[in-house]
Amino acid sequence: MEKEIHTGKSSPSVDPEILFKILETCNARPSVSGQDWAKGNWYNLQSVADRISALQKEAKWRFRKGKGIVCAVLGACLAAASQHPADCQTQKGKVIESLQTLVGSLQDQIAGLERENVELQEERHTADILHLSLGLFETNTVNSECHNPQQELREAKARPDKTPQLCPLIKREYYYEDLDDQQPSSVTKEVPYSATELAKLKKEFGCNPKGSETEYVWRVSLSGGDQILLTEKEAKGYWGPGVFLTTGDQRAPWSLTQRAAYWSGGLDPLERGDPLAIVGTMEQILESVQKAACLQMMHNRQLTPCHESPVLLSVDPERMTPLIRSLSESLRSVGIQLQGQIKAASPLEQLEEILTPDRNTRKSKTWTWGEIAQELINYGRKYGPANPTPHQSETKAV
């Protein structure tokens, strides 16, 4: 990369030989060493005076000889001064050229990293699709052998005292070309909720006018809203005072928990009632972790496919504080340690987690809320107190 440098004024080229020829006629032409000395000292008057005195002493000073030395030194200084701007411009040009070369190299590296990132995102998306397809295939295989969704629906309708665990009915048919066909064609048909089922869901999951939006999201998630998938058309109904669970995103039937978190995420944390601490006993660690995951889902306000349950999301360490505040003394140190470990993980290490499935070779891991709950539960079982405190026993009894 080359670039011409313009200073705004065009200065004529300096030729010191014109001056040196005039000095040579007076027997006062500076030597080569004198010219080199003048390049670094022409601006220092004291250094010039010391140079003249030193040369005069070495030449066993005489009047006429002294004038020649003075002329030679001053002539060398004048030539160096006239040449100095050109030397500065040349040096600046070299520095600019070097920086431009470095910038070009960095831009090429950035472009290469961006291409690699796009390829990695495409590979990850493909892997997610394959994983989802495999899960659906296995689920369908199990359902076809020992699962009857219509029977479960009838049982749920027969239990009005319990929260309904309803999912859209999915019918999948396979077409085999021959007996050896290992990849049959499939046709999937989703049966939407009926008006009666939607009315029952609205009644069970309606928003309480006396409760906060955060408590509403918690209740929906802990009551089975992670498994209840609704389309935009089905979610247009009225679910409580001031709550409309529509997202405007037509890509997928989002879970009821995601819709409630997306709606409440548009409010100020003070308005929706975010707590400073999530209160729960040792037996309620999983519930407390799920509540913390719901807070993160409300804070991020993102609709993530294939993550109907908030416990499947990657942990944001900043959202762990309300959970840590409510833990017992024995578990609080573990929670703080996990929070610091997640904070220390750089984006490059998180990318390494995706590229390196083997836990023995990768340097760090990306934690999910479910793994945080499992870690706390395991630690509590192993190192928790042998006898629970009276306060814990009383809370459990209540």
Protein backbone atom coordinates (compact mmCIF):
# COMPACT_ATOMS: atom_id res chain seq x y z
CA MET A 1 0.00 0.00 0.00
CA GLU A 2 1.64 3.21 -1.17
CA LYS A 3 0.51 6.75 -0.56
CA GLU A 4 2.08 10.08 -1.47
CA ILE A 5 2.52 12.61 1.32
CA HIS A 6 1.50 16.22 0.60
CA THR A 7 2.38 18.95 3.07
CA GLY A 8 0.40 21.70 1.39
CA LYS A 9 3.51 23.58 0.16
CA SER A 10 5.93 22.45 -2.53
CA SER A 11 9.50 23.15 -1.39
CA PRO A 12 12.36 23.05 -3.93
CA SER A 13 14.89 20.25 -3.59
CA VAL A 14 17.99 21.16 -1.57
CA ASP A 15 21.42 20.55 -3.07
CA PRO A 16 24.21 21.24 -0.52
CA GLU A 17 26.90 20.80 -3.19
CA ILE A 18 26.24 24.35 -4.47
CA LEU A 19 27.20 25.73 -1.06
CA PHE A 20 30.14 23.37 -0.67
CA LYS A 21 31.63 24.46 -4.07
CA ILE A 22 31.59 28.07 -2.93
CA LEU A 23 33.27 27.12 0.37
CA GLU A 24 35.83 25.03 -1.53
CA THR A 25 37.01 28.12 -3.45
CA CYS A 26 37.77 29.67 -0.03
CA ASN A 27 39.49 26.50 1.16
CA ALA A 28 36.70 26.04 3.72
CA ARG A 29 34.79 22.95 2.46
CA PRO A 30 33.61 20.83 5.45
CA SER A 31 34.85 17.26 5.71
CA VAL A 32 32.59 14.19 5.55
CA SER A 33 32.85 13.71 9.33
CA GLY A 34 31.99 17.39 9.79
CA GLN A 35 28.87 16.97 7.66
CA ASP A 36 27.78 13.93 9.68
CA TRP A 37 28.33 15.85 12.91
CA ALA A 38 26.28 18.82 11.66
CA LYS A 39 23.20 16.61 10.96
CA GLY A 40 22.71 16.02 14.69
CA ASN A 41 24.03 19.27 16.16
CA TRP A 42 23.24 22.13 13.75
CA TYR A 43 20.44 23.47 15.98
CA ASN A 44 22.60 23.56 19.17
CA LEU A 45 24.54 26.86 19.33
CA GLN A 46 26.68 25.73 22.26
CA SER A 47 27.64 22.55 20.43
CA VAL A 48 28.58 24.59 17.33
CA ALA A 49 30.76 26.92 19.40
CA ASP A 50 32.47 23.95 21.11
CA ARG A 51 33.09 22.33 17.74
CA ILE A 52 34.76 25.47 16.33
CA SER A 53 36.95 25.84 19.44
CA ALA A 54 38.02 22.19 19.33
CA LEU A 55 38.97 22.34 15.63
CA GLN A 56 40.89 25.56 16.13
CA LYS A 57 42.93 24.03 18.93
CA GLU A 58 43.70 20.93 16.88
CA ALA A 59 44.86 23.06 13.88
CA LYS A 60 47.20 25.19 16.05
CA TRP A 61 45.07 28.25 15.57
CA ARG A 62 46.09 31.07 13.22
CA PHE A 63 43.93 34.01 12.23
CA ARG A 64 43.40 33.05 8.60
CA LYS A 65 43.16 29.36 9.45
CA GLY A 66 40.49 30.10 12.07
CA LYS A 67 38.22 31.80 9.58
CA GLY A 68 38.30 28.77 7.31
CA ILE A 69 37.33 26.50 10.20
CA VAL A 70 34.44 28.79 11.15
CA CYS A 71 33.19 28.85 7.57
CA ALA A 72 33.48 25.09 7.24
CA VAL A 73 31.51 24.44 10.44
CA LEU A 74 28.83 27.05 9.70
CA GLY A 75 28.53 25.83 6.11
CA ALA A 76 28.01 22.24 7.26
CA CYS A 77 25.37 23.42 9.78
CA LEU A 78 23.58 25.46 7.13
CA ALA A 79 23.51 22.51 4.72
CA ALA A 80 22.20 20.19 7.47
CA ALA A 81 19.49 22.71 8.46
CA SER A 82 18.29 23.04 4.87
CA GLN A 83 18.20 19.26 4.47
CA HIS A 84 16.41 18.58 7.81
CA PRO A 85 12.76 19.17 6.63
CA ALA A 86 13.23 16.77 3.73
CA ASP A 87 14.68 14.12 6.07
CA CYS A 88 11.69 14.55 8.45
CA GLN A 89 9.22 14.13 5.62
CA THR A 90 11.01 10.99 4.46
CA GLN A 91 10.94 9.53 7.97
CA LYS A 92 7.24 10.35 8.38
CA GLY A 93 6.52 8.71 5.05
CA LYS A 94 8.27 5.53 6.17
CA VAL A 95 6.34 5.46 9.45
CA ILE A 96 3.00 6.03 7.67
CA GLU A 97 3.80 3.34 5.12
CA SER A 98 4.69 0.90 7.89
CA LEU A 99 1.45 1.65 9.76
CA GLN A 100 -0.61 1.30 6.59
CA THR A 101 0.99 -2.08 5.94
CA LEU A 102 0.19 -3.16 9.49
CA VAL A 103 -3.44 -1.98 9.18
CA GLY A 104 -3.84 -3.87 5.92
CA SER A 105 -2.50 -7.04 7.55
CA LEU A 106 -4.88 -6.67 10.51
CA GLN A 107 -7.82 -6.08 8.18
CA ASP A 108 -6.99 -9.28 6.32
CA GLN A 109 -6.84 -11.19 9.62
CA ILE A 110 -10.20 -9.74 10.72
CA ALA A 111 -11.79 -10.71 7.41
CA GLY A 112 -10.43 -14.24 7.80
CA LEU A 113 -11.79 -14.51 11.36
CA GLU A 114 -15.20 -13.25 10.21
CA ARG A 115 -15.30 -15.90 7.49
CA GLU A 116 -14.37 -18.58 10.01
CA ASN A 117 -17.04 -17.30 12.40
CA VAL A 118 -19.70 -17.49 9.68
CA GLU A 119 -18.63 -21.05 8.84
CA LEU A 120 -18.75 -22.03 12.52
CA GLN A 121 -22.24 -20.52 12.90
CA GLU A 122 -23.43 -22.45 9.86
CA GLU A 123 -21.94 -25.70 11.20
CA ARG A 124 -23.50 -25.10 14.61
CA HIS A 125 -26.90 -24.38 13.04
CA THR A 126 -26.65 -27.58 11.00
CA ALA A 127 -25.68 -29.55 14.10
CA ASP A 128 -28.63 -28.11 16.04
CA ILE A 129 -31.00 -29.06 13.24
CA LEU A 130 -29.60 -32.60 13.12
CA HIS A 131 -29.82 -32.91 16.89
CA LEU A 132 -33.41 -31.66 16.92
CA SER A 133 -34.36 -33.99 14.08
CA LEU A 134 -32.81 -36.94 15.92
CA GLY A 135 -34.68 -36.03 19.11
CA LEU A 136 -37.97 -35.76 17.24
CA PHE A 137 -37.32 -39.10 15.54
CA GLU A 138 -36.59 -40.83 18.85
CA THR A 139 -39.59 -39.20 20.52
CA ASN A 140 -41.86 -40.26 17.70
CA THR A 141 -40.52 -43.81 17.87
CA VAL A 142 -41.21 -44.05 21.59
CA ASN A 143 -44.63 -42.46 21.25
CA SER A 144 -45.63 -44.84 18.46
CA GLU A 145 -44.74 -47.85 20.66
CA CYS A 146 -45.92 -47.00 24.18
CA HIS A 147 -47.39 -43.51 24.18
CA ASN A 148 -50.90 -42.37 23.49
CA PRO A 149 -51.25 -38.56 23.46
CA GLN A 150 -55.05 -38.75 23.16
CA GLN A 151 -55.17 -40.86 26.30
CA GLU A 152 -53.01 -38.34 28.18
CA LEU A 153 -55.28 -35.54 27.01
CA ARG A 154 -58.35 -37.37 28.34
CA GLU A 155 -56.61 -38.03 31.65
CA ALA A 156 -55.65 -34.34 31.93
CA LYS A 157 -59.26 -33.32 31.30
CA ALA A 158 -60.40 -35.75 33.97
CA ARG A 159 -58.12 -34.10 36.58
CA PRO A 160 -59.51 -30.55 36.96
CA ASP A 161 -57.70 -30.10 40.28
CA LYS A 162 -54.21 -30.35 38.68
CA THR A 163 -52.40 -28.02 36.32
CA PRO A 164 -52.81 -29.24 32.73
CA GLN A 165 -49.67 -30.47 30.99
CA LEU A 166 -50.79 -30.01 27.39
CA CYS A 167 -48.71 -30.05 24.24
CA PRO A 168 -49.84 -29.70 20.62
CA LEU A 169 -50.69 -33.07 19.16
CA ILE A 170 -48.26 -34.06 16.41
CA LYS A 171 -49.05 -36.66 13.81
CA ARG A 172 -46.18 -38.00 11.73
CA GLU A 173 -46.42 -40.51 8.89
CA TYR A 174 -43.52 -42.31 7.20
CA TYR A 175 -43.31 -43.53 3.62
CA TYR A 176 -40.89 -46.37 2.77
CA GLU A 177 -39.86 -47.04 -0.81
CA ASP A 178 -38.84 -50.64 -0.04
CA LEU A 179 -37.95 -52.87 2.88
CA ASP A 180 -34.29 -51.75 2.86
CA ASP A 181 -35.08 -48.03 2.93
CA GLN A 182 -33.15 -46.54 5.90
CA GLN A 183 -34.23 -42.91 5.33
CA PRO A 184 -37.99 -42.84 4.76
CA SER A 185 -39.91 -39.74 3.81
CA SER A 186 -42.05 -38.24 6.55
CA VAL A 187 -45.07 -35.94 6.67
CA THR A 188 -45.75 -34.02 9.88
CA LYS A 189 -49.11 -32.52 10.80
CA GLU A 190 -49.66 -30.49 13.96
CA VAL A 191 -53.08 -30.51 15.55
CA PRO A 192 -53.81 -27.09 17.15
CA TYR A 193 -55.46 -26.57 20.51
CA SER A 194 -59.21 -26.54 20.59
CA ALA A 195 -61.19 -23.60 21.93
CA THR A 196 -61.99 -25.56 25.10
CA GLU A 197 -58.33 -26.36 25.74
CA LEU A 198 -57.31 -22.75 25.21
CA ALA A 199 -60.02 -21.56 27.57
CA LYS A 200 -58.77 -23.94 30.23
CA LEU A 201 -55.17 -22.80 29.73
CA LYS A 202 -56.23 -19.15 30.06
CA LYS A 203 -58.03 -19.95 33.28
CA GLU A 204 -55.11 -21.87 34.77
CA PHE A 205 -52.38 -19.49 33.65
CA GLY A 206 -54.16 -16.15 33.88
CA CYS A 207 -52.28 -13.27 35.51
CA ASN A 208 -53.30 -12.42 39.07
CA PRO A 209 -53.99 -8.66 39.39
CA LYS A 210 -52.43 -8.64 42.89
CA GLY A 211 -49.19 -10.35 41.87
CA SER A 212 -46.14 -8.94 40.11
CA GLU A 213 -45.09 -9.79 36.58
CA THR A 214 -42.02 -11.64 37.87
CA GLU A 215 -44.19 -13.87 40.07
CA TYR A 216 -46.44 -14.51 37.08
CA VAL A 217 -43.51 -15.71 34.94
CA TRP A 218 -42.29 -17.91 37.80
CA ARG A 219 -45.73 -19.47 38.24
CA VAL A 220 -46.08 -20.15 34.52
CA SER A 221 -42.65 -21.77 34.27
CA LEU A 222 -42.99 -23.86 37.44
CA SER A 223 -46.52 -24.98 36.48
CA GLY A 224 -45.59 -26.53 33.15
CA GLY A 225 -45.57 -23.50 30.86
CA ASP A 226 -42.23 -24.66 29.42
CA GLN A 227 -44.00 -27.49 27.58
CA ILE A 228 -47.06 -25.56 26.41
CA LEU A 229 -46.39 -24.29 22.89
CA LEU A 230 -48.65 -21.62 21.42
CA THR A 231 -48.74 -20.05 17.98
CA GLU A 232 -49.31 -16.34 17.47
CA LYS A 233 -52.92 -16.98 16.54
CA GLU A 234 -53.53 -19.01 19.71
CA ALA A 235 -51.79 -16.46 21.95
CA LYS A 236 -53.91 -13.50 20.86
CA GLY A 237 -56.34 -14.15 23.67
CA TYR A 238 -56.57 -12.26 26.94
CA TRP A 239 -54.53 -13.91 29.70
CA GLY A 240 -55.07 -11.55 32.60
CA PRO A 241 -55.10 -7.87 33.58
CA GLY A 242 -52.96 -6.02 31.06
CA VAL A 243 -51.20 -9.13 29.73
CA PHE A 244 -51.17 -10.05 26.05
CA LEU A 245 -48.82 -12.96 25.32
CA THR A 246 -48.14 -12.09 21.68
CA THR A 247 -44.56 -11.61 20.49
CA GLY A 248 -44.92 -10.69 16.83
CA ASP A 249 -42.41 -13.40 15.87
CA GLN A 250 -43.95 -15.86 13.41
CA ARG A 251 -41.04 -18.31 13.20
CA ALA A 252 -42.15 -20.94 15.72
CA PRO A 253 -44.84 -21.76 18.32
CA TRP A 254 -43.08 -20.38 21.39
CA SER A 255 -43.63 -21.87 24.84
CA LEU A 256 -45.93 -20.14 27.29
CA THR A 257 -42.95 -19.37 29.57
CA GLN A 258 -41.03 -17.67 26.77
CA ARG A 259 -44.07 -15.59 25.84
CA ALA A 260 -44.65 -14.46 29.44
CA ALA A 261 -40.94 -13.64 29.88
CA TYR A 262 -40.83 -11.76 26.56
CA TRP A 263 -43.87 -9.67 27.52
CA SER A 264 -42.65 -8.83 31.05
CA GLY A 265 -39.13 -8.18 29.75
CA GLY A 266 -40.36 -4.94 28.20
CA LEU A 267 -41.08 -3.49 31.65
CA ASP A 268 -38.72 -1.84 34.08
CA PRO A 269 -37.27 -4.33 36.64
CA LEU A 270 -38.85 -2.31 39.45
CA GLU A 271 -42.27 -2.41 37.77
CA ARG A 272 -42.20 -6.13 37.12
CA GLY A 273 -41.04 -6.86 40.70
CA ASP A 274 -37.55 -8.36 40.30
CA PRO A 275 -36.41 -9.52 43.78
CA LEU A 276 -33.06 -8.86 45.42
CA ALA A 277 -32.92 -12.46 46.64
CA ILE A 278 -34.73 -15.67 45.65
CA VAL A 279 -35.82 -17.27 48.91
CA GLY A 280 -35.84 -21.08 49.03
CA THR A 281 -34.83 -23.99 51.23
CA MET A 282 -32.32 -26.73 50.48
CA GLU A 283 -35.11 -28.87 49.01
CA GLN A 284 -36.09 -25.99 46.69
CA ILE A 285 -32.71 -25.38 45.03
CA LEU A 286 -33.95 -26.55 41.64
CA GLU A 287 -36.98 -24.26 41.92
CA SER A 288 -34.80 -21.30 42.95
CA VAL A 289 -32.43 -21.90 40.04
CA GLN A 290 -35.37 -22.05 37.63
CA LYS A 291 -36.61 -18.72 39.01
CA ALA A 292 -33.15 -17.19 38.47
CA ALA A 293 -33.16 -18.51 34.89
CA CYS A 294 -36.58 -16.88 34.37
CA LEU A 295 -35.12 -13.55 35.55
CA GLN A 296 -32.40 -13.88 32.93
CA MET A 297 -34.96 -14.71 30.24
CA MET A 298 -36.95 -11.60 31.17
CA HIS A 299 -33.82 -9.45 31.24
CA ASN A 300 -32.55 -10.62 27.82
CA ARG A 301 -36.03 -10.69 26.25
CA GLN A 302 -34.95 -13.14 23.60
CA LEU A 303 -36.96 -15.86 21.90
CA THR A 304 -34.54 -18.77 21.51
CA PRO A 305 -35.69 -21.80 19.48
CA CYS A 306 -35.22 -25.23 21.08
CA HIS A 307 -34.90 -23.62 24.54
CA GLU A 308 -38.48 -23.76 25.80
CA SER A 309 -37.28 -24.18 29.39
CA PRO A 310 -35.13 -21.40 30.88
CA VAL A 311 -32.91 -23.95 32.67
CA LEU A 312 -31.47 -24.90 29.27
CA LEU A 313 -30.09 -21.39 28.67
CA SER A 314 -26.42 -20.52 29.14
CA VAL A 315 -25.84 -18.78 32.45
CA ASP A 316 -25.29 -15.03 32.57
CA PRO A 317 -23.17 -14.60 35.75
CA GLU A 318 -24.76 -11.21 36.47
CA ARG A 319 -28.14 -12.94 36.95
CA MET A 320 -26.76 -15.30 39.62
CA THR A 321 -26.66 -12.65 42.37
CA PRO A 322 -30.31 -13.01 43.60
CA LEU A 323 -29.80 -16.78 43.74
CA ILE A 324 -26.50 -16.56 45.67
CA ARG A 325 -27.97 -14.16 48.25
CA SER A 326 -30.60 -16.71 49.28
CA LEU A 327 -28.28 -19.73 49.52
CA SER A 328 -27.15 -21.14 52.84
CA GLU A 329 -23.66 -20.36 54.14
CA SER A 330 -22.34 -23.73 53.00
CA LEU A 331 -23.63 -23.27 49.43
CA ARG A 332 -23.03 -19.54 49.05
CA SER A 333 -19.28 -19.96 48.64
CA VAL A 334 -19.87 -22.54 45.91
CA GLY A 335 -22.27 -20.18 44.13
CA ILE A 336 -19.77 -17.31 44.30
CA GLN A 337 -17.03 -19.59 42.98
CA LEU A 338 -19.20 -20.70 40.04
CA GLN A 339 -20.12 -17.08 39.31
CA GLY A 340 -16.46 -16.06 39.19
CA GLN A 341 -15.59 -19.04 37.02
CA ILE A 342 -18.30 -18.15 34.49
CA LYS A 343 -17.27 -14.47 34.49
CA ALA A 344 -13.65 -15.41 33.79
CA ALA A 345 -14.62 -17.40 30.68
CA SER A 346 -13.77 -15.31 27.60
CA PRO A 347 -15.78 -15.44 24.33
CA LEU A 348 -12.92 -17.45 22.80
CA GLU A 349 -13.24 -20.06 25.56
CA GLN A 350 -16.99 -20.20 25.02
CA LEU A 351 -16.36 -20.86 21.34
CA GLU A 352 -13.94 -23.61 22.37
CA GLU A 353 -16.79 -25.22 24.30
CA ILE A 354 -18.78 -25.48 21.07
CA LEU A 355 -15.89 -26.78 18.97
CA THR A 356 -14.56 -29.26 21.58
CA PRO A 357 -17.27 -31.65 22.79
CA ASP A 358 -14.74 -33.70 24.77
CA ARG A 359 -14.75 -32.45 28.39
CA ASN A 360 -11.23 -33.87 28.99
CA THR A 361 -9.55 -31.76 26.30
CA ARG A 362 -11.30 -28.39 26.55
CA LYS A 363 -10.03 -25.77 29.00
CA SER A 364 -13.39 -24.41 30.17
CA LYS A 365 -17.10 -25.09 29.85
CA THR A 366 -20.28 -23.14 29.22
CA TRP A 367 -22.63 -23.60 32.17
CA THR A 368 -26.38 -23.94 31.85
CA TRP A 369 -28.81 -23.22 34.68
CA GLY A 370 -29.62 -26.90 34.92
CA GLU A 371 -25.96 -27.72 35.50
CA ILE A 372 -25.74 -24.98 38.16
CA ALA A 373 -28.69 -26.58 39.99
CA GLN A 374 -27.15 -30.04 39.76
CA GLU A 375 -23.82 -28.75 41.09
CA LEU A 376 -25.47 -27.07 44.08
CA ILE A 377 -27.62 -30.10 44.84
CA ASN A 378 -24.66 -32.49 44.69
CA TYR A 379 -22.57 -30.24 46.92
CA GLY A 380 -25.42 -29.84 49.42
CA ARG A 381 -25.96 -33.59 49.62
CA LYS A 382 -22.27 -34.27 50.11
CA TYR A 383 -21.22 -31.47 52.45
CA GLY A 384 -24.49 -30.13 53.87
CA PRO A 385 -25.36 -30.35 57.57
CA ALA A 386 -26.30 -33.77 58.91
CA ASN A 387 -29.20 -32.36 60.98
CA PRO A 388 -31.33 -29.60 59.50
CA THR A 389 -31.85 -26.45 61.56
CA PRO A 390 -35.20 -25.84 63.28
CA HIS A 391 -35.95 -23.02 60.85
CA GLN A 392 -35.46 -25.37 57.89
CA SER A 393 -37.68 -28.02 59.44
CA GLU A 394 -40.42 -25.50 60.15
CA THR A 395 -40.31 -24.18 56.59
CA LYS A 396 -40.48 -27.69 55.19
CA ALA A 397 -43.48 -28.52 57.33
CA VAL A 398 -45.31 -25.41 56.14
